[in-house]
């Protein structure tokens, strides 16, 4: 049917030059898990797609964008519609729901972002 699967976030880990392990996520409120190596990114405007039976109404996202890391590598993330959420792999309620996460192998940061945008 060509319907996108609903990627809302991705993380990168284990850098080797400009290549990283790329993992895609489809959960509603991704947050970085500081204890898990990697960096968590979200896509602006990504639509969460419920896979299972409808659950109770989701709570609104009350996270403050002001809590985003203010680090030198923020300038490195010059990819349209991508936001660094923080250090640590993406986690949060439902991060392993249904088909998620989707491993994408070794990718550059931009390639990983483009995979998420297309999924």
Protein backbone atom coordinates (compact mmCIF):
# COMPACT_ATOMS: atom_id res chain seq x y z
CA UNK A 1 0.00 0.00 0.00
CA UNK A 2 3.01 2.27 0.24
CA UNK A 3 2.07 3.57 3.67
CA UNK A 4 5.02 4.77 5.71
CA UNK A 5 5.64 2.86 8.92
CA UNK A 6 5.87 5.94 11.13
CA UNK A 7 9.50 6.55 12.11
CA UNK A 8 9.52 9.26 14.78
CA UNK A 9 13.13 9.09 15.97
CA UNK A 10 16.50 7.47 15.36
CA UNK A 11 19.73 7.00 17.19
CA UNK A 12 23.33 6.57 16.17
CA UNK A 13 26.02 4.70 18.06
CA UNK A 14 29.46 3.13 17.68
CA UNK A 15 31.03 5.78 15.43
CA UNK A 16 33.71 4.77 12.94
CA UNK A 17 34.70 7.85 10.96
CA UNK A 18 31.44 9.33 9.74
CA UNK A 19 29.58 5.98 9.88
CA UNK A 20 27.38 4.89 12.80
CA UNK A 21 25.06 2.05 13.75
CA UNK A 22 21.65 3.44 12.79
CA UNK A 23 18.46 2.39 14.57
CA UNK A 24 14.96 3.68 13.75
CA UNK A 25 12.12 4.04 16.28
CA UNK A 26 8.38 4.58 15.99
CA UNK A 27 7.29 5.38 19.54
CA UNK A 28 5.45 8.52 20.54
CA UNK A 29 7.76 10.25 23.03
CA UNK A 30 11.41 9.35 22.42
CA UNK A 31 13.87 10.33 25.14
CA UNK A 32 17.62 9.70 25.36
CA UNK A 33 18.76 7.03 27.82
CA UNK A 34 22.07 8.34 29.21
CA UNK A 35 23.14 4.85 30.32
CA UNK A 36 22.96 3.46 26.77
CA UNK A 37 25.69 4.63 24.34
CA UNK A 38 24.54 6.71 21.39
CA UNK A 39 22.79 9.92 20.46
CA UNK A 40 19.02 10.24 20.11
CA UNK A 41 17.42 12.40 17.42
CA UNK A 42 13.79 13.20 16.65
CA UNK A 43 12.08 14.34 13.46
CA UNK A 44 10.05 17.55 13.52
CA UNK A 45 6.51 16.86 12.40
CA UNK A 46 6.85 13.06 12.55
CA UNK A 47 3.48 11.35 12.92
CA UNK A 48 3.09 8.60 15.50
CA UNK A 49 1.19 5.65 14.03
CA UNK A 50 -0.50 3.35 16.52
CA UNK A 51 0.21 -0.26 15.55
CA UNK A 52 -1.79 -2.24 18.07
CA UNK A 53 -5.34 -1.85 19.29
CA UNK A 54 -6.13 1.71 20.36
CA UNK A 55 -4.90 2.38 23.87
CA UNK A 56 -6.06 5.06 26.23
CA UNK A 57 -5.65 8.58 24.95
CA UNK A 58 -2.00 9.55 24.94
CA UNK A 59 -0.90 12.29 27.26
CA UNK A 60 0.31 15.48 25.59
CA UNK A 61 4.03 15.94 25.13
CA UNK A 62 5.10 18.27 27.93
CA UNK A 63 8.85 18.00 27.41
CA UNK A 64 10.54 21.34 27.13
CA UNK A 65 12.58 21.97 24.00
CA UNK A 66 14.83 24.12 26.20
CA UNK A 67 16.28 20.93 27.67
CA UNK A 68 17.97 20.04 24.40
CA UNK A 69 21.72 19.76 24.67
CA UNK A 70 23.60 22.98 23.99
CA UNK A 71 26.84 21.45 22.79
CA UNK A 72 29.28 22.12 19.98
CA UNK A 73 27.94 19.13 18.05
CA UNK A 74 24.56 20.87 17.81
CA UNK A 75 26.10 22.86 14.94
CA UNK A 76 27.09 19.55 13.31
CA UNK A 77 23.42 18.57 13.07
CA UNK A 78 22.58 20.70 10.10
CA UNK A 79 19.97 18.33 8.70
CA UNK A 80 16.52 19.69 7.95
CA UNK A 81 13.78 18.67 10.41
CA UNK A 82 16.15 16.78 12.72
CA UNK A 83 16.68 17.62 16.38
CA UNK A 84 19.25 16.19 18.78
CA UNK A 85 17.36 15.13 21.91
CA UNK A 86 20.50 14.17 23.83
CA UNK A 87 23.25 11.72 24.59
CA UNK A 88 22.08 8.14 24.89
CA UNK A 89 20.12 5.75 22.71
CA UNK A 90 16.43 6.57 22.14
CA UNK A 91 14.10 5.01 24.66
CA UNK A 92 10.71 5.78 26.19
CA UNK A 93 7.39 4.04 26.58
CA UNK A 94 6.76 1.69 23.67
CA UNK A 95 10.26 1.85 22.18
CA UNK A 96 10.09 -1.89 21.41
CA UNK A 97 6.46 -1.99 20.27
CA UNK A 98 5.46 -3.93 17.17
CA UNK A 99 8.11 -3.83 14.44
CA UNK A 100 10.29 -1.27 16.25
CA UNK A 101 13.18 -0.70 16.49
CA UNK A 102 14.39 -1.21 12.92
CA UNK A 103 18.17 -1.68 12.55
CA UNK A 104 19.58 -0.01 9.44
CA UNK A 105 23.23 -1.02 9.62
CA UNK A 106 26.12 1.44 9.22
CA UNK A 107 25.07 4.87 7.94
CA UNK A 108 26.21 8.47 8.10
CA UNK A 109 24.12 10.73 10.32
CA UNK A 110 22.43 12.24 7.26
CA UNK A 111 21.75 8.81 5.72
CA UNK A 112 20.21 7.60 8.98
CA UNK A 113 18.02 10.71 9.14
CA UNK A 114 16.92 10.22 5.53
CA UNK A 115 16.05 6.55 6.24
CA UNK A 116 13.88 7.65 9.16
CA UNK A 117 12.19 10.36 7.08
CA UNK A 118 11.37 7.76 4.42
CA UNK A 119 10.06 5.13 6.83
